[in-house]
Amino acid sequence: MAKRSVAPIPKTHESTPGPRGQDTKGNNDLFLKEVFNTTNKYRAMHGCPALTINAELTKLAQEWANHLRDENIMAHRSNPKYGENIFLSGGMDVTGDLPV
């Protein structure tokens, strides 16, 4: 089995407030919608069927993302049941098409 590496995440700032004091929940929902739509756009270009939202996978992914944030690391699960794509960005406004 291949050895997995764990990389610390560089600290850039203490918090990430929303633009002009906006609630970041709405921004997160927009980001997720953009990722989903962009992914399906590229899948269609290559003749693949569109993805659908799976609540269980979404929950597992969010739990892992929270773990990575809390531990300040960037790593795949040590024994993943599903494929994973991990994206990190800093210092710029990120739209949902960038991680795709």
Protein backbone atom coordinates (compact mmCIF):
# COMPACT_ATOMS: atom_id res chain seq x y z
CA MET A 1 0.00 0.00 0.00
CA ALA A 2 1.29 3.48 -0.84
CA LYS A 3 2.44 5.67 2.03
CA ARG A 4 0.25 8.70 2.57
CA SER A 5 1.62 12.09 3.50
CA VAL A 6 0.04 14.75 5.66
CA ALA A 7 0.85 18.38 5.03
CA PRO A 8 0.19 21.23 7.45
CA ILE A 9 -1.92 24.04 6.10
CA PRO A 10 -0.15 27.42 6.08
CA LYS A 11 -1.92 29.84 8.40
CA THR A 12 -2.93 33.02 6.61
CA HIS A 13 -5.33 34.68 9.04
CA GLU A 14 -7.44 33.88 12.06
CA SER A 15 -10.89 33.96 10.47
CA THR A 16 -12.63 34.28 7.15
CA PRO A 17 -15.53 36.70 7.50
CA GLY A 18 -17.95 37.08 4.64
CA PRO A 19 -17.67 40.09 2.33
CA ARG A 20 -18.97 43.28 3.89
CA GLY A 21 -20.19 41.41 6.94
CA GLN A 22 -22.44 39.02 5.00
CA ASP A 23 -23.34 35.64 6.43
CA THR A 24 -20.95 33.08 4.91
CA LYS A 25 -23.66 30.34 4.87
CA GLY A 26 -25.20 31.87 1.74
CA ASN A 27 -21.76 32.13 0.15
CA ASN A 28 -21.07 28.47 0.93
CA ASP A 29 -24.36 27.39 -0.64
CA LEU A 30 -23.54 29.39 -3.78
CA PHE A 31 -20.04 27.90 -3.90
CA LEU A 32 -21.39 24.34 -3.62
CA LYS A 33 -23.94 25.00 -6.36
CA GLU A 34 -21.20 26.38 -8.64
CA VAL A 35 -18.97 23.34 -8.04
CA PHE A 36 -21.86 20.98 -8.74
CA ASN A 37 -22.96 22.79 -11.91
CA THR A 38 -19.41 23.16 -13.25
CA THR A 39 -18.65 19.49 -12.59
CA ASN A 40 -21.76 18.44 -14.49
CA LYS A 41 -20.92 20.81 -17.34
CA TYR A 42 -17.55 19.09 -17.83
CA ARG A 43 -19.09 15.64 -17.42
CA ALA A 44 -21.60 16.47 -20.19
CA MET A 45 -18.77 17.67 -22.45
CA HIS A 46 -17.20 14.22 -22.11
CA GLY A 47 -20.41 12.23 -22.52
CA CYS A 48 -20.74 11.29 -18.84
CA PRO A 49 -24.06 11.36 -17.00
CA ALA A 50 -24.74 14.18 -14.57
CA LEU A 51 -24.00 13.68 -10.89
CA THR A 52 -26.76 13.89 -8.32
CA ILE A 53 -26.55 15.06 -4.71
CA ASN A 54 -26.14 12.27 -2.18
CA ALA A 55 -26.90 13.44 1.38
CA GLU A 56 -24.80 10.69 3.01
CA LEU A 57 -21.71 11.47 0.91
CA THR A 58 -22.20 15.19 1.47
CA LYS A 59 -22.30 14.63 5.24
CA LEU A 60 -19.16 12.44 5.17
CA ALA A 61 -17.30 14.99 3.05
CA GLN A 62 -18.25 17.87 5.36
CA GLU A 63 -17.20 15.90 8.45
CA TRP A 64 -13.79 15.24 6.88
CA ALA A 65 -13.43 18.86 5.80
CA ASN A 66 -14.20 19.97 9.36
CA HIS A 67 -11.60 17.50 10.68
CA LEU A 68 -8.95 18.85 8.31
CA ARG A 69 -9.78 22.40 9.34
CA ASP A 70 -9.70 21.58 13.06
CA GLU A 71 -6.37 19.70 12.76
CA ASN A 72 -4.92 22.29 10.34
CA ILE A 73 -3.81 19.58 7.91
CA MET A 74 -4.36 18.59 4.30
CA ALA A 75 -4.71 14.82 3.85
CA HIS A 76 -6.91 12.09 2.43
CA ARG A 77 -8.63 9.65 4.77
CA SER A 78 -6.28 6.81 5.65
CA ASN A 79 -8.74 4.13 4.50
CA PRO A 80 -11.22 5.84 2.18
CA LYS A 81 -14.36 4.08 1.05
CA TYR A 82 -14.96 6.72 -1.64
CA GLY A 83 -12.75 8.83 -3.89
CA GLU A 84 -11.73 12.23 -2.54
CA ASN A 85 -10.74 15.53 -4.07
CA ILE A 86 -9.34 18.10 -1.65
CA PHE A 87 -9.05 21.78 -2.55
CA LEU A 88 -7.29 24.59 -0.65
CA SER A 89 -7.11 28.23 -1.56
CA GLY A 90 -6.12 31.42 0.14
CA GLY A 91 -5.72 35.10 -0.54
CA MET A 92 -8.35 35.37 -3.26
CA ASP A 93 -12.05 35.13 -3.85
CA VAL A 94 -12.82 31.58 -4.91
CA THR A 95 -15.71 30.63 -7.17
CA GLY A 96 -17.05 27.12 -7.59
CA ASP A 97 -15.42 26.61 -10.98
CA LEU A 98 -11.84 26.81 -9.64
CA PRO A 99 -11.65 23.46 -7.82
CA VAL A 100 -13.17 21.63 -10.80
